């Protein structure tokens, strides 16, 4: 073996994540509320891919966008609530 071939053997030649070819399948499972364990089982049985749970978790966070969280709008106080006097404690009043 030449020096270049020896070095290539030890370098990281991956240009894309391992799960990227399966992004559509994983996105479908995530959108249908599949657990990460069931996604792992699917990848292992159907696609013959073995990865750890943290790999799936990081992949989902980086590459799959779920519906963004939108907080409910706060109700603005109505006129009747603004006009109500605040009750004061009369513990110290004589």
PDB file of N, CA and C in Angstrom:
ATOM      1  N   UNK A   1       0.845  -1.193   0.000  1.00  0.00           N
ATOM      2  CA  UNK A   1       0.000   0.000   0.000  1.00  0.00           C
ATOM      3  C   UNK A   1       0.881   1.244   0.000  1.00  0.00           C
ATOM      4  N   UNK A   2       0.415   2.221  -0.710  1.00  0.00           N
ATOM      5  CA  UNK A   2       1.148   3.483  -0.718  1.00  0.00           C
ATOM      6  C   UNK A   2       0.735   4.301   0.500  1.00  0.00           C
ATOM      7  N   UNK A   3       1.525   5.316   0.767  1.00  0.00           N
ATOM      8  CA  UNK A   3       1.235   6.165   1.921  1.00  0.00           C
ATOM      9  C   UNK A   3      -0.131   6.829   1.807  1.00  0.00           C
ATOM     10  N   UNK A   4      -0.469   7.232   0.606  1.00  0.00           N
ATOM     11  CA  UNK A   4      -1.761   7.908   0.400  1.00  0.00           C
ATOM     12  C   UNK A   4      -2.926   6.968   0.709  1.00  0.00           C
ATOM     13  N   UNK A   5      -2.827   5.734   0.285  1.00  0.00           N
ATOM     14  CA  UNK A   5      -3.895   4.767   0.545  1.00  0.00           C
ATOM     15  C   UNK A   5      -4.001   4.449   2.032  1.00  0.00           C
ATOM     16  N   UNK A   6      -2.895   4.404   2.699  1.00  0.00           N
ATOM     17  CA  UNK A   6      -2.906   4.162   4.143  1.00  0.00           C
ATOM     18  C   UNK A   6      -3.591   5.314   4.850  1.00  0.00           C
ATOM     19  N   UNK A   7      -3.280   6.548   4.466  1.00  0.00           N
ATOM     20  CA  UNK A   7      -3.910   7.713   5.085  1.00  0.00           C
ATOM     21  C   UNK A   7      -5.409   7.769   4.782  1.00  0.00           C
ATOM     22  N   UNK A   8      -5.801   7.432   3.571  1.00  0.00           N
ATOM     23  CA  UNK A   8      -7.216   7.439   3.216  1.00  0.00           C
ATOM     24  C   UNK A   8      -8.009   6.434   4.037  1.00  0.00           C
ATOM     25  N   UNK A   9      -7.354   5.377   4.425  1.00  0.00           N
ATOM     26  CA  UNK A   9      -8.007   4.344   5.231  1.00  0.00           C
ATOM     27  C   UNK A   9      -8.443   4.900   6.586  1.00  0.00           C
ATOM     28  N   UNK A  10      -7.693   5.842   7.133  1.00  0.00           N
ATOM     29  CA  UNK A  10      -7.961   6.369   8.462  1.00  0.00           C
ATOM     30  C   UNK A  10      -8.671   7.720   8.475  1.00  0.00           C
ATOM     31  N   UNK A  11      -8.904   8.282   7.325  1.00  0.00           N
ATOM     32  CA  UNK A  11      -9.597   9.568   7.287  1.00  0.00           C
ATOM     33  C   UNK A  11     -11.096   9.360   7.181  1.00  0.00           C
ATOM     34  N   UNK A  12     -11.811  10.352   7.590  1.00  0.00           N
ATOM     35  CA  UNK A  12     -13.273  10.307   7.509  1.00  0.00           C
ATOM     36  C   UNK A  12     -13.676  10.725   6.096  1.00  0.00           C
ATOM     37  N   UNK A  13     -14.179   9.793   5.347  1.00  0.00           N
ATOM     38  CA  UNK A  13     -14.538  10.075   3.958  1.00  0.00           C
ATOM     39  C   UNK A  13     -16.034  10.315   3.782  1.00  0.00           C
ATOM     40  N   UNK A  14     -16.780  10.287   4.863  1.00  0.00           N
ATOM     41  CA  UNK A  14     -18.226  10.501   4.760  1.00  0.00           C
ATOM     42  C   UNK A  14     -18.510  11.975   4.499  1.00  0.00           C
ATOM     43  N   UNK A  15     -19.332  12.221   3.507  1.00  0.00           N
ATOM     44  CA  UNK A  15     -19.672  13.603   3.198  1.00  0.00           C
ATOM     45  C   UNK A  15     -21.086  13.948   3.646  1.00  0.00           C
ATOM     46  N   UNK A  16     -21.859  12.943   4.018  1.00  0.00           N
ATOM     47  CA  UNK A  16     -23.223  13.191   4.462  1.00  0.00           C
ATOM     48  C   UNK A  16     -23.545  12.285   5.642  1.00  0.00           C
ATOM     49  N   UNK A  17     -24.506  12.665   6.451  1.00  0.00           N
ATOM     50  CA  UNK A  17     -24.892  11.807   7.572  1.00  0.00           C
ATOM     51  C   UNK A  17     -25.398  10.446   7.081  1.00  0.00           C
ATOM     52  N   UNK A  18     -25.224   9.453   7.909  1.00  0.00           N
ATOM     53  CA  UNK A  18     -25.628   8.099   7.559  1.00  0.00           C
ATOM     54  C   UNK A  18     -27.123   7.997   7.290  1.00  0.00           C
ATOM     55  N   UNK A  19     -27.918   8.763   8.004  1.00  0.00           N
ATOM     56  CA  UNK A  19     -29.373   8.652   7.905  1.00  0.00           C
ATOM     57  C   UNK A  19     -29.987   9.548   6.832  1.00  0.00           C
ATOM     58  N   UNK A  20     -29.201  10.374   6.195  1.00  0.00           N
ATOM     59  CA  UNK A  20     -29.753  11.309   5.212  1.00  0.00           C
ATOM     60  C   UNK A  20     -30.514  10.638   4.068  1.00  0.00           C
ATOM     61  N   UNK A  21     -30.080   9.501   3.547  1.00  0.00           N
ATOM     62  CA  UNK A  21     -30.875   8.864   2.492  1.00  0.00           C
ATOM     63  C   UNK A  21     -32.266   8.413   2.945  1.00  0.00           C
ATOM     64  N   UNK A  22     -32.473   8.316   4.241  1.00  0.00           N
ATOM     65  CA  UNK A  22     -33.739   7.831   4.792  1.00  0.00           C
ATOM     66  C   UNK A  22     -34.547   8.953   5.435  1.00  0.00           C
ATOM     67  N   UNK A  23     -34.259  10.193   5.088  1.00  0.00           N
ATOM     68  CA  UNK A  23     -34.902  11.331   5.748  1.00  0.00           C
ATOM     69  C   UNK A  23     -36.415  11.333   5.544  1.00  0.00           C
ATOM     70  N   UNK A  24     -36.880  10.953   4.374  1.00  0.00           N
ATOM     71  CA  UNK A  24     -38.325  10.951   4.133  1.00  0.00           C
ATOM     72  C   UNK A  24     -39.035   9.922   5.002  1.00  0.00           C
ATOM     73  N   UNK A  25     -38.436   8.746   5.139  1.00  0.00           N
ATOM     74  CA  UNK A  25     -39.031   7.711   5.980  1.00  0.00           C
ATOM     75  C   UNK A  25     -39.048   8.141   7.444  1.00  0.00           C
ATOM     76  N   UNK A  26     -37.937   8.707   7.897  1.00  0.00           N
ATOM     77  CA  UNK A  26     -37.850   9.142   9.297  1.00  0.00           C
ATOM     78  C   UNK A  26     -38.810  10.294   9.548  1.00  0.00           C
ATOM     79  N   UNK A  27     -38.915  11.225   8.605  1.00  0.00           N
ATOM     80  CA  UNK A  27     -39.835  12.346   8.762  1.00  0.00           C
ATOM     81  C   UNK A  27     -41.275  11.844   8.838  1.00  0.00           C
ATOM     82  N   UNK A  28     -41.632  10.873   8.009  1.00  0.00           N
ATOM     83  CA  UNK A  28     -42.976  10.306   8.063  1.00  0.00           C
ATOM     84  C   UNK A  28     -43.251   9.693   9.436  1.00  0.00           C
ATOM     85  N   UNK A  29     -42.281   8.964   9.968  1.00  0.00           N
ATOM     86  CA  UNK A  29     -42.456   8.347  11.286  1.00  0.00           C
ATOM     87  C   UNK A  29     -42.569   9.397  12.386  1.00  0.00           C
ATOM     88  N   UNK A  30     -41.737  10.433  12.316  1.00  0.00           N
ATOM     89  CA  UNK A  30     -41.782  11.495  13.335  1.00  0.00           C
ATOM     90  C   UNK A  30     -43.106  12.245  13.267  1.00  0.00           C
ATOM     91  N   UNK A  31     -43.562  12.549  12.055  1.00  0.00           N
ATOM     92  CA  UNK A  31     -44.834  13.265  11.900  1.00  0.00           C
ATOM     93  C   UNK A  31     -46.017  12.455  12.420  1.00  0.00           C
ATOM     94  N   UNK A  32     -45.881  11.139  12.421  1.00  0.00           N
ATOM     95  CA  UNK A  32     -46.935  10.272  12.932  1.00  0.00           C
ATOM     96  C   UNK A  32     -46.659   9.802  14.358  1.00  0.00           C
ATOM     97  N   UNK A  33     -45.848  10.573  15.077  1.00  0.00           N
ATOM     98  CA  UNK A  33     -45.575  10.383  16.507  1.00  0.00           C
ATOM     99  C   UNK A  33     -44.952   9.038  16.843  1.00  0.00           C
ATOM    100  N   UNK A  34     -44.079   8.543  15.995  1.00  0.00           N
ATOM    101  CA  UNK A  34     -43.353   7.316  16.304  1.00  0.00           C
ATOM    102  C   UNK A  34     -42.263   7.625  17.322  1.00  0.00           C
ATOM    103  N   UNK A  35     -42.004   6.692  18.213  1.00  0.00           N
ATOM    104  CA  UNK A  35     -40.947   6.888  19.200  1.00  0.00           C
ATOM    105  C   UNK A  35     -39.590   6.673  18.540  1.00  0.00           C
ATOM    106  N   UNK A  36     -38.557   7.150  19.202  1.00  0.00           N
ATOM    107  CA  UNK A  36     -37.216   6.974  18.652  1.00  0.00           C
ATOM    108  C   UNK A  36     -36.845   5.496  18.620  1.00  0.00           C
ATOM    109  N   UNK A  37     -37.335   4.739  19.587  1.00  0.00           N
ATOM    110  CA  UNK A  37     -37.053   3.314  19.599  1.00  0.00           C
ATOM    111  C   UNK A  37     -37.699   2.617  18.401  1.00  0.00           C
ATOM    112  N   UNK A  38     -38.907   3.025  18.061  1.00  0.00           N
ATOM    113  CA  UNK A  38     -39.559   2.413  16.900  1.00  0.00           C
ATOM    114  C   UNK A  38     -38.867   2.834  15.592  1.00  0.00           C
ATOM    115  N   UNK A  39     -38.325   4.049  15.558  1.00  0.00           N
ATOM    116  CA  UNK A  39     -37.550   4.482  14.384  1.00  0.00           C
ATOM    117  C   UNK A  39     -36.278   3.643  14.269  1.00  0.00           C
ATOM    118  N   UNK A  40     -35.624   3.385  15.410  1.00  0.00           N
ATOM    119  CA  UNK A  40     -34.446   2.521  15.403  1.00  0.00           C
ATOM    120  C   UNK A  40     -34.786   1.118  14.908  1.00  0.00           C
ATOM    121  N   UNK A  41     -35.904   0.583  15.384  1.00  0.00           N
ATOM    122  CA  UNK A  41     -36.334  -0.751  14.951  1.00  0.00           C
ATOM    123  C   UNK A  41     -36.615  -0.778  13.453  1.00  0.00           C
ATOM    124  N   UNK A  42     -37.275   0.264  12.958  1.00  0.00           N
ATOM    125  CA  UNK A  42     -37.566   0.352  11.527  1.00  0.00           C
ATOM    126  C   UNK A  42     -36.279   0.372  10.711  1.00  0.00           C
ATOM    127  N   UNK A  43     -35.327   1.201  11.115  1.00  0.00           N
ATOM    128  CA  UNK A  43     -34.074   1.304  10.372  1.00  0.00           C
ATOM    129  C   UNK A  43     -33.310  -0.017  10.373  1.00  0.00           C
ATOM    130  N   UNK A  44     -33.357  -0.709  11.501  1.00  0.00           N
ATOM    131  CA  UNK A  44     -32.615  -1.957  11.594  1.00  0.00           C
ATOM    132  C   UNK A  44     -33.288  -3.077  10.805  1.00  0.00           C
ATOM    133  N   UNK A  45     -34.598  -3.207  10.909  1.00  0.00           N
ATOM    134  CA  UNK A  45     -35.269  -4.325  10.246  1.00  0.00           C
ATOM    135  C   UNK A  45     -35.515  -4.070   8.760  1.00  0.00           C
ATOM    136  N   UNK A  46     -35.965  -2.872   8.420  1.00  0.00           N
ATOM    137  CA  UNK A  46     -36.346  -2.599   7.036  1.00  0.00           C
ATOM    138  C   UNK A  46     -35.188  -2.121   6.163  1.00  0.00           C
ATOM    139  N   UNK A  47     -34.283  -1.347   6.739  1.00  0.00           N
ATOM    140  CA  UNK A  47     -33.205  -0.739   5.948  1.00  0.00           C
ATOM    141  C   UNK A  47     -31.831  -1.324   6.248  1.00  0.00           C
ATOM    142  N   UNK A  48     -31.760  -2.215   7.237  1.00  0.00           N
ATOM    143  CA  UNK A  48     -30.508  -2.859   7.621  1.00  0.00           C
ATOM    144  C   UNK A  48     -29.434  -1.836   8.015  1.00  0.00           C
ATOM    145  N   UNK A  49     -29.853  -0.811   8.742  1.00  0.00           N
ATOM    146  CA  UNK A  49     -28.965   0.247   9.234  1.00  0.00           C
ATOM    147  C   UNK A  49     -28.960   0.168  10.760  1.00  0.00           C
ATOM    148  N   UNK A  50     -27.786   0.098  11.345  1.00  0.00           N
ATOM    149  CA  UNK A  50     -27.673   0.050  12.796  1.00  0.00           C
ATOM    150  C   UNK A  50     -26.994   1.319  13.278  1.00  0.00           C
ATOM    151  N   UNK A  51     -27.743   2.119  14.027  1.00  0.00           N
ATOM    152  CA  UNK A  51     -27.214   3.340  14.637  1.00  0.00           C
ATOM    153  C   UNK A  51     -27.712   3.375  16.072  1.00  0.00           C
ATOM    154  N   UNK A  52     -27.113   4.237  16.876  1.00  0.00           N
ATOM    155  CA  UNK A  52     -27.558   4.334  18.262  1.00  0.00           C
ATOM    156  C   UNK A  52     -28.681   5.371  18.380  1.00  0.00           C
ATOM    157  N   UNK A  53     -29.328   5.346  19.513  1.00  0.00           N
ATOM    158  CA  UNK A  53     -30.486   6.207  19.736  1.00  0.00           C
ATOM    159  C   UNK A  53     -30.107   7.684  19.690  1.00  0.00           C
ATOM    160  N   UNK A  54     -28.940   8.019  20.199  1.00  0.00           N
ATOM    161  CA  UNK A  54     -28.523   9.429  20.187  1.00  0.00           C
ATOM    162  C   UNK A  54     -28.297   9.931  18.757  1.00  0.00           C
ATOM    163  N   UNK A  55     -27.859   9.058  17.871  1.00  0.00           N
ATOM    164  CA  UNK A  55     -27.680   9.443  16.470  1.00  0.00           C
ATOM    165  C   UNK A  55     -29.014   9.817  15.854  1.00  0.00           C
ATOM    166  N   UNK A  56     -30.034   9.018  16.129  1.00  0.00           N
ATOM    167  CA  UNK A  56     -31.376   9.313  15.616  1.00  0.00           C
ATOM    168  C   UNK A  56     -31.887  10.620  16.204  1.00  0.00           C
ATOM    169  N   UNK A  57     -31.664  10.812  17.485  1.00  0.00           N
ATOM    170  CA  UNK A  57     -32.123  12.027  18.155  1.00  0.00           C
ATOM    171  C   UNK A  57     -31.479  13.276  17.556  1.00  0.00           C
ATOM    172  N   UNK A  58     -30.173  13.250  17.379  1.00  0.00           N
ATOM    173  CA  UNK A  58     -29.467  14.402  16.812  1.00  0.00           C
ATOM    174  C   UNK A  58     -29.896  14.633  15.369  1.00  0.00           C
ATOM    175  N   UNK A  59     -30.071  13.564  14.617  1.00  0.00           N
ATOM    176  CA  UNK A  59     -30.498  13.686  13.226  1.00  0.00           C
ATOM    177  C   UNK A  59     -31.863  14.354  13.134  1.00  0.00           C
ATOM    178  N   UNK A  60     -32.778  13.953  13.994  1.00  0.00           N
ATOM    179  CA  UNK A  60     -34.120  14.544  13.991  1.00  0.00           C
ATOM    180  C   UNK A  60     -34.051  16.023  14.338  1.00  0.00           C
ATOM    181  N   UNK A  61     -33.268  16.366  15.332  1.00  0.00           N
ATOM    182  CA  UNK A  61     -33.158  17.767  15.738  1.00  0.00           C
ATOM    183  C   UNK A  61     -32.541  18.634  14.645  1.00  0.00           C
ATOM    184  N   UNK A  62     -31.570  18.098  13.925  1.00  0.00           N
ATOM    185  CA  UNK A  62     -30.877  18.886  12.908  1.00  0.00           C
ATOM    186  C   UNK A  62     -31.623  18.951  11.584  1.00  0.00           C
ATOM    187  N   UNK A  63     -32.225  17.839  11.161  1.00  0.00           N
ATOM    188  CA  UNK A  63     -32.708  17.742   9.789  1.00  0.00           C
ATOM    189  C   UNK A  63     -34.219  17.705   9.626  1.00  0.00           C
ATOM    190  N   UNK A  64     -34.940  17.460  10.688  1.00  0.00           N
ATOM    191  CA  UNK A  64     -36.387  17.330  10.559  1.00  0.00           C
ATOM    192  C   UNK A  64     -37.051  18.393  11.411  1.00  0.00           C
ATOM    193  N   UNK A  65     -37.801  19.248  10.760  1.00  0.00           N
ATOM    194  CA  UNK A  65     -38.479  20.325  11.464  1.00  0.00           C
ATOM    195  C   UNK A  65     -39.917  19.918  11.737  1.00  0.00           C
ATOM    196  N   UNK A  66     -40.247  19.845  12.997  1.00  0.00           N
ATOM    197  CA  UNK A  66     -41.642  19.628  13.335  1.00  0.00           C
ATOM    198  C   UNK A  66     -42.335  20.978  13.276  1.00  0.00           C
ATOM    199  N   UNK A  67     -43.621  20.958  13.423  1.00  0.00           N
ATOM    200  CA  UNK A  67     -44.366  22.212  13.407  1.00  0.00           C
ATOM    201  C   UNK A  67     -43.852  23.101  14.530  1.00  0.00           C
ATOM    202  N   UNK A  68     -43.532  24.351  14.223  1.00  0.00           N
ATOM    203  CA  UNK A  68     -42.994  25.226  15.268  1.00  0.00           C
ATOM    204  C   UNK A  68     -44.040  25.522  16.331  1.00  0.00           C
ATOM    205  N   UNK A  69     -43.573  25.690  17.544  1.00  0.00           N
ATOM    206  CA  UNK A  69     -44.451  25.994  18.665  1.00  0.00           C
ATOM    207  C   UNK A  69     -44.916  27.437  18.558  1.00  0.00           C
ATOM    208  N   UNK A  70     -46.218  27.632  18.564  1.00  0.00           N
ATOM    209  CA  UNK A  70     -46.768  28.986  18.547  1.00  0.00           C
ATOM    210  C   UNK A  70     -47.628  29.158  19.794  1.00  0.00           C
ATOM    211  N   UNK A  71     -47.202  30.021  20.686  1.00  0.00           N
ATOM    212  CA  UNK A  71     -47.974  30.200  21.916  1.00  0.00           C
ATOM    213  C   UNK A  71     -49.315  30.848  21.632  1.00  0.00           C
ATOM    214  N   UNK A  72     -50.269  30.529  22.461  1.00  0.00           N
ATOM    215  CA  UNK A  72     -51.589  31.135  22.311  1.00  0.00           C
ATOM    216  C   UNK A  72     -51.502  32.616  22.652  1.00  0.00           C
ATOM    217  N   UNK A  73     -52.326  33.384  21.968  1.00  0.00           N
ATOM    218  CA  UNK A  73     -52.314  34.819  22.227  1.00  0.00           C
ATOM    219  C   UNK A  73     -52.912  35.093  23.595  1.00  0.00           C
ATOM    220  N   UNK A  74     -52.324  36.057  24.281  1.00  0.00           N
ATOM    221  CA  UNK A  74     -52.850  36.437  25.588  1.00  0.00           C
ATOM    222  C   UNK A  74     -54.108  37.262  25.391  1.00  0.00           C
ATOM    223  N   UNK A  75     -55.058  36.992  26.232  1.00  0.00           N
ATOM    224  CA  UNK A  75     -56.284  37.776  26.161  1.00  0.00           C
ATOM    225  C   UNK A  75     -56.019  39.157  26.732  1.00  0.00           C
ATOM    226  N   UNK A  76     -56.438  40.160  26.010  1.00  0.00           N
ATOM    227  CA  UNK A  76     -56.274  41.500  26.532  1.00  0.00           C
ATOM    228  C   UNK A  76     -57.366  41.734  27.572  1.00  0.00           C
ATOM    229  N   UNK A  77     -57.040  42.462  28.632  1.00  0.00           N
ATOM    230  CA  UNK A  77     -58.045  42.687  29.670  1.00  0.00           C
ATOM    231  C   UNK A  77     -59.212  43.504  29.108  1.00  0.00           C
ATOM    232  N   UNK A  78     -60.373  43.087  29.462  1.00  0.00           N
ATOM    233  CA  UNK A  78     -61.559  43.811  28.996  1.00  0.00           C
ATOM    234  C   UNK A  78     -61.775  45.040  29.860  1.00  0.00           C
ATOM    235  N   UNK A  79     -62.627  45.919  29.392  1.00  0.00           N
ATOM    236  CA  UNK A  79     -62.888  47.160  30.128  1.00  0.00           C
ATOM    237  C   UNK A  79     -63.452  46.877  31.510  1.00  0.00           C
ATOM    238  N   UNK A  80     -64.276  45.867  31.629  1.00  0.00           N
ATOM    239  CA  UNK A  80     -64.886  45.577  32.924  1.00  0.00           C
ATOM    240  C   UNK A  80     -63.843  45.100  33.927  1.00  0.00           C
ATOM    241  N   UNK A  81     -62.834  44.394  33.475  1.00  0.00           N
ATOM    242  CA  UNK A  81     -61.793  43.929  34.382  1.00  0.00           C
ATOM    243  C   UNK A  81     -60.885  45.070  34.807  1.00  0.00           C
ATOM    244  N   UNK A  82     -60.671  46.049  33.934  1.00  0.00           N
ATOM    245  CA  UNK A  82     -59.810  47.164  34.276  1.00  0.00           C
ATOM    246  C   UNK A  82     -60.460  48.088  35.306  1.00  0.00           C
ATOM    247  N   UNK A  83     -61.775  48.172  35.293  1.00  0.00           N
ATOM    248  CA  UNK A  83     -62.471  49.094  36.178  1.00  0.00           C
ATOM    249  C   UNK A  83     -62.720  48.522  37.561  1.00  0.00           C
ATOM    250  N   UNK A  84     -62.488  47.233  37.735  1.00  0.00           N
ATOM    251  CA  UNK A  84     -62.706  46.630  39.041  1.00  0.00           C
ATOM    252  C   UNK A  84     -61.665  47.169  40.018  1.00  0.00           C
ATOM    253  N   UNK A  85     -62.104  47.624  41.173  1.00  0.00           N
ATOM    254  CA  UNK A  85     -61.127  48.100  42.156  1.00  0.00           C
ATOM    255  C   UNK A  85     -60.397  46.912  42.771  1.00  0.00           C
ATOM    256  N   UNK A  86     -59.154  47.137  43.066  1.00  0.00           N
ATOM    257  CA  UNK A  86     -58.377  46.092  43.712  1.00  0.00           C
ATOM    258  C   UNK A  86     -58.720  46.083  45.188  1.00  0.00           C
ATOM    259  N   UNK A  87     -58.869  44.903  45.721  1.00  0.00           N
ATOM    260  CA  UNK A  87     -59.198  44.772  47.135  1.00  0.00           C
ATOM    261  C   UNK A  87     -57.933  44.943  47.951  1.00  0.00           C
ATOM    262  N   UNK A  88     -58.079  45.744  49.010  1.00  0.00           N
ATOM    263  CA  UNK A  88     -56.945  45.958  49.876  1.00  0.00           C
ATOM    264  C   UNK A  88     -57.158  45.174  51.158  1.00  0.00           C
ATOM    265  N   UNK A  89     -56.097  44.723  51.697  1.00  0.00           N
ATOM    266  CA  UNK A  89     -56.180  43.989  52.952  1.00  0.00           C
ATOM    267  C   UNK A  89     -56.396  44.992  54.075  1.00  0.00           C
ATOM    268  N   UNK A  90     -57.338  44.700  54.920  1.00  0.00           N
ATOM    269  CA  UNK A  90     -57.636  45.622  56.012  1.00  0.00           C
ATOM    270  C   UNK A  90     -57.115  45.104  57.329  1.00  0.00           C
ATOM    271  N   UNK A  91     -56.049  44.369  57.313  1.00  0.00           N
ATOM    272  CA  UNK A  91     -55.479  43.813  58.534  1.00  0.00           C
ATOM    273  C   UNK A  91     -54.923  44.931  59.412  1.00  0.00           C
ATOM    274  N   UNK A  92     -54.311  45.930  58.805  1.00  0.00           N
ATOM    275  CA  UNK A  92     -53.682  46.987  59.585  1.00  0.00           C
ATOM    276  C   UNK A  92     -54.579  48.227  59.718  1.00  0.00           C
ATOM    277  N   UNK A  93     -55.729  48.239  59.067  1.00  0.00           N
ATOM    278  CA  UNK A  93     -56.623  49.362  59.157  1.00  0.00           C
ATOM    279  C   UNK A  93     -57.461  49.267  60.426  1.00  0.00           C
ATOM    280  N   UNK A  94     -57.628  50.396  61.133  1.00  0.00           N
ATOM    281  CA  UNK A  94     -58.432  50.402  62.373  1.00  0.00           C
ATOM    282  C   UNK A  94     -59.747  51.074  62.127  1.00  0.00           C
TER     283      UNK A  94
END
